[in-house]
Amino acid sequence: MSESSILNAIWGAVSPYDNFPHRRFRPDFQGWNSDHPYLAESIARARPRVIVEVGVWKGGSTIHMAQACKALGLDTSIIAVDTWLGAWDHWVQPEWFAHLLFQNGYPSLYYTFLTNVVERGVRDFVVPLPLDSVNASFVLRHKNIRPELVHIDGGHDFEAVTSDLKRWWDLLTPGGTLIADDYAAEGGPWPEVREAVHAFLAVTPHEGFEALPDKCRFSKPV
């Protein structure tokens, strides 16, 4: 499916970019691991038509992947899945709480994300889907949209990571690649991400597991 057909499948006749006043909002390209080599490498290798990113924040890695697709001349849709309401750790750490940009008690981070996408000139590649991971997976399943590449960077506790792995692995096309963010060596930060990945792989047929600092990736057998 092309970007326009996926945008239409999810949003119908009205695009979230239509009449968006991006100049009213300040771009902010802060992020983590946004240009990790696994992202562009996996795109160059697979040349996917559909990518799903779960956990988007301000869009750093989304934009990096979109730029990689643009440079390769691909007709790729990157479905950006996030509530843009923050995770629990954003709500308990004052520094990240401020990044949610509350207006009358409600985060406005989504508009920062849209502004960043427009400012970087990749709106033709990025399809926002402002839902939690569970509901987003049901939407894509219902609309028969299956990605060839999935990048998971959602919750960091064991249950959340396990749920995301199971849900998006089921939707991933055979031969597709899954990249998990915040996978670290034993004793590193976010230990439950590592534990969840290893528990999942122990019971799931897969191919080509590899890891670098901050991410791991593996493929679904054909």
Protein backbone atom coordinates (compact mmCIF):
# COMPACT_ATOMS: atom_id res chain seq x y z
CA MET A 1 0.00 0.00 0.00
CA SER A 2 1.25 3.48 -0.83
CA GLU A 3 1.53 6.29 1.72
CA SER A 4 -1.57 7.97 0.29
CA SER A 5 -3.64 4.77 0.45
CA ILE A 6 -2.55 4.03 4.03
CA LEU A 7 -3.22 7.63 5.05
CA ASN A 8 -6.67 7.32 3.49
CA ALA A 9 -7.27 3.91 5.08
CA ILE A 10 -6.55 5.28 8.54
CA TRP A 11 -7.78 8.86 8.29
CA GLY A 12 -10.29 8.88 5.44
CA ALA A 13 -10.65 12.05 3.41
CA VAL A 14 -9.14 14.40 6.01
CA SER A 15 -5.39 14.27 6.60
CA PRO A 16 -4.03 15.30 10.02
CA TYR A 17 -1.69 17.59 8.10
CA ASP A 18 -4.49 19.52 6.41
CA ASN A 19 -4.41 23.14 7.53
CA PHE A 20 -2.03 22.32 10.38
CA PRO A 21 -0.53 25.66 11.50
CA HIS A 22 2.96 24.30 12.17
CA ARG A 23 4.49 27.77 12.41
CA ARG A 24 2.55 28.31 15.63
CA PHE A 25 4.61 25.60 17.33
CA ARG A 26 8.30 25.43 18.09
CA PRO A 27 10.17 22.51 16.52
CA ASP A 28 12.15 20.43 19.00
CA PHE A 29 14.26 17.57 17.68
CA GLN A 30 15.41 16.17 21.03
CA GLY A 31 15.36 12.39 21.14
CA TRP A 32 17.26 9.21 22.03
CA ASN A 33 19.04 6.78 19.68
CA SER A 34 17.26 8.47 16.78
CA ASP A 35 19.97 7.78 14.21
CA HIS A 36 20.92 4.29 15.36
CA PRO A 37 22.50 2.37 12.43
CA TYR A 38 19.96 -0.46 12.61
CA LEU A 39 17.20 1.87 11.41
CA ALA A 40 18.66 3.01 8.08
CA GLU A 41 20.44 -0.33 7.53
CA SER A 42 17.21 -2.31 7.89
CA ILE A 43 15.42 0.04 5.50
CA ALA A 44 18.17 -0.20 2.89
CA ARG A 45 18.18 -3.98 3.15
CA ALA A 46 14.43 -4.61 3.15
CA ARG A 47 13.16 -1.57 1.22
CA PRO A 48 9.86 -1.85 3.13
CA ARG A 49 6.59 -0.41 1.93
CA VAL A 50 5.17 -0.21 5.47
CA ILE A 51 7.04 0.57 8.69
CA VAL A 52 5.46 0.81 12.14
CA GLU A 53 7.10 2.67 14.99
CA VAL A 54 5.60 2.11 18.44
CA GLY A 55 6.57 4.91 20.80
CA VAL A 56 7.41 8.07 18.90
CA TRP A 57 7.91 10.96 21.35
CA LYS A 58 8.98 13.97 19.23
CA GLY A 59 9.63 11.90 16.13
CA GLY A 60 13.43 11.72 16.07
CA SER A 61 13.71 8.14 14.84
CA THR A 62 10.54 8.46 12.74
CA ILE A 63 12.07 11.37 10.86
CA HIS A 64 15.43 9.60 10.54
CA MET A 65 13.71 6.58 8.95
CA ALA A 66 11.63 8.84 6.70
CA GLN A 67 14.76 10.60 5.51
CA ALA A 68 16.37 7.24 4.77
CA CYS A 69 13.33 6.20 2.73
CA LYS A 70 13.36 9.53 0.89
CA ALA A 71 17.05 9.21 0.06
CA LEU A 72 16.44 5.74 -1.39
CA GLY A 73 13.45 6.91 -3.43
CA LEU A 74 11.09 4.51 -1.65
CA ASP A 75 7.32 4.81 -1.57
CA THR A 76 7.15 3.92 2.12
CA SER A 77 4.59 4.70 4.80
CA ILE A 78 5.85 5.02 8.37
CA ILE A 79 2.93 4.59 10.77
CA ALA A 80 3.81 6.49 13.94
CA VAL A 81 1.99 4.95 16.92
CA ASP A 82 1.89 6.94 20.15
CA THR A 83 -0.66 8.53 22.45
CA TRP A 84 1.67 11.52 22.85
CA LEU A 85 0.50 11.61 26.47
CA GLY A 86 3.79 10.39 27.88
CA ALA A 87 4.70 7.19 29.69
CA TRP A 88 4.63 6.83 33.46
CA ASP A 89 8.29 7.77 33.78
CA HIS A 90 7.64 11.04 31.95
CA TRP A 91 5.03 11.89 34.57
CA VAL A 92 7.24 11.24 37.59
CA GLN A 93 10.45 12.88 36.39
CA PRO A 94 10.15 16.69 36.42
CA GLU A 95 12.51 17.16 33.47
CA TRP A 96 10.45 14.97 31.13
CA PHE A 97 7.14 16.12 32.60
CA ALA A 98 7.91 19.59 31.27
CA HIS A 99 8.53 18.20 27.77
CA LEU A 100 4.89 17.12 27.55
CA LEU A 101 3.96 20.80 27.12
CA PHE A 102 0.72 20.84 29.06
CA GLN A 103 -2.09 23.16 28.05
CA ASN A 104 -4.87 23.33 30.63
CA GLY A 105 -3.78 20.00 32.05
CA TYR A 106 -3.45 18.12 28.73
CA PRO A 107 -0.19 17.35 26.87
CA SER A 108 0.38 19.04 23.51
CA LEU A 109 3.45 17.01 22.53
CA TYR A 110 1.62 15.71 19.44
CA TYR A 111 1.83 19.15 17.87
CA THR A 112 5.58 19.24 18.45
CA PHE A 113 5.81 15.91 16.62
CA LEU A 114 3.71 17.15 13.67
CA THR A 115 5.73 20.35 13.49
CA ASN A 116 9.00 18.40 13.43
CA VAL A 117 7.74 16.15 10.62
CA VAL A 118 6.63 19.13 8.53
CA GLU A 119 9.80 21.12 9.21
CA ARG A 120 11.97 18.20 8.07
CA GLY A 121 9.98 17.81 4.86
CA VAL A 122 8.89 14.20 5.38
CA ARG A 123 5.14 14.51 5.87
CA ASP A 124 4.60 12.42 2.72
CA PHE A 125 6.17 9.44 4.49
CA VAL A 126 4.73 9.70 8.01
CA VAL A 127 1.21 8.66 9.01
CA PRO A 128 0.40 9.56 12.64
CA LEU A 129 -1.76 7.13 14.57
CA PRO A 130 -2.48 8.65 18.01
CA LEU A 131 -3.47 5.48 19.85
CA ASP A 132 -1.90 3.18 22.40
CA SER A 133 -0.07 0.14 21.07
CA VAL A 134 -2.91 -2.31 21.75
CA ASN A 135 -5.62 -0.34 19.98
CA ALA A 136 -3.31 0.63 17.12
CA SER A 137 -2.56 -3.03 16.44
CA PHE A 138 -6.30 -3.76 16.22
CA VAL A 139 -6.79 -0.88 13.79
CA LEU A 140 -4.06 -2.13 11.48
CA ARG A 141 -5.26 -5.72 11.70
CA HIS A 142 -8.83 -4.63 10.89
CA LYS A 143 -7.59 -2.64 7.89
CA ASN A 144 -5.27 -5.46 6.76
CA ILE A 145 -2.14 -3.31 7.02
CA ARG A 146 0.96 -5.39 7.78
CA PRO A 147 4.44 -3.89 8.19
CA GLU A 148 7.70 -5.29 6.90
CA LEU A 149 9.64 -3.40 9.56
CA VAL A 150 8.65 -2.66 13.17
CA HIS A 151 10.55 -0.46 15.61
CA ILE A 152 9.37 -0.82 19.22
CA ASP A 153 10.21 1.95 21.65
CA GLY A 154 7.15 2.03 23.90
CA GLY A 155 6.94 1.09 27.58
CA HIS A 156 10.06 -0.22 29.29
CA ASP A 157 8.58 -2.58 31.88
CA PHE A 158 8.46 -6.34 31.29
CA GLU A 159 4.70 -6.53 30.71
CA ALA A 160 4.59 -3.62 28.26
CA VAL A 161 7.55 -4.87 26.23
CA THR A 162 6.19 -8.42 26.14
CA SER A 163 2.78 -7.20 24.98
CA ASP A 164 4.32 -5.05 22.23
CA LEU A 165 6.56 -7.86 21.02
CA LYS A 166 3.73 -10.37 20.78
CA ARG A 167 1.26 -7.99 19.18
CA TRP A 168 3.52 -6.52 16.52
CA TRP A 169 5.33 -9.78 15.77
CA ASP A 170 1.96 -11.24 14.82
CA LEU A 171 1.36 -8.36 12.39
CA LEU A 172 4.89 -8.36 10.97
CA THR A 173 5.11 -9.93 7.51
CA PRO A 174 7.12 -13.16 7.11
CA GLY A 175 10.72 -12.18 6.45
CA GLY A 176 10.17 -8.84 8.17
CA THR A 177 12.45 -7.32 10.80
CA LEU A 178 11.68 -6.18 14.34
CA ILE A 179 13.95 -3.69 16.10
CA ALA A 180 13.67 -3.26 19.88
CA ASP A 181 14.96 -0.05 21.42
CA ASP A 182 16.67 0.29 24.81
CA TYR A 183 18.05 -3.25 24.69
CA ALA A 184 21.26 -3.09 26.72
CA ALA A 185 23.94 -5.45 27.92
CA GLU A 186 23.31 -7.30 31.16
CA GLY A 187 23.50 -4.87 34.04
CA GLY A 188 22.65 -1.90 31.83
CA PRO A 189 19.68 0.47 32.01
CA TRP A 190 16.13 -0.78 31.36
CA PRO A 191 16.85 -4.41 32.42
CA GLU A 192 13.23 -5.44 31.91
CA VAL A 193 13.50 -4.67 28.19
CA ARG A 194 16.34 -7.18 27.90
CA GLU A 195 14.48 -9.72 30.04
CA ALA A 196 11.31 -9.40 27.96
CA VAL A 197 13.18 -9.74 24.66
CA HIS A 198 14.99 -12.88 25.82
CA ALA A 199 11.82 -14.43 27.24
CA PHE A 200 10.01 -13.74 23.96
CA LEU A 201 12.77 -15.15 21.78
CA ALA A 202 13.04 -18.27 23.93
CA VAL A 203 9.58 -19.37 22.78
CA THR A 204 9.39 -17.68 19.36
CA PRO A 205 11.02 -18.97 16.16
CA HIS A 206 13.17 -16.19 14.74
CA GLU A 207 16.28 -15.58 12.66
CA GLY A 208 19.37 -13.41 12.71
CA PHE A 209 19.33 -11.98 16.22
CA GLU A 210 21.96 -9.29 16.69
CA ALA A 211 22.53 -6.43 19.09
CA LEU A 212 24.45 -3.20 19.31
CA PRO A 213 24.37 -0.72 22.20
CA ASP A 214 20.79 0.52 22.69
CA LYS A 215 18.99 -1.74 20.19
CA CYS A 216 18.60 -5.32 19.03
CA ARG A 217 16.96 -6.73 15.92
CA PHE A 218 15.80 -10.07 14.57
CA SER A 219 13.70 -11.36 11.70
CA LYS A 220 10.53 -13.39 11.27
CA PRO A 221 11.06 -16.66 9.37
CA VAL A 222 9.52 -16.84 5.91
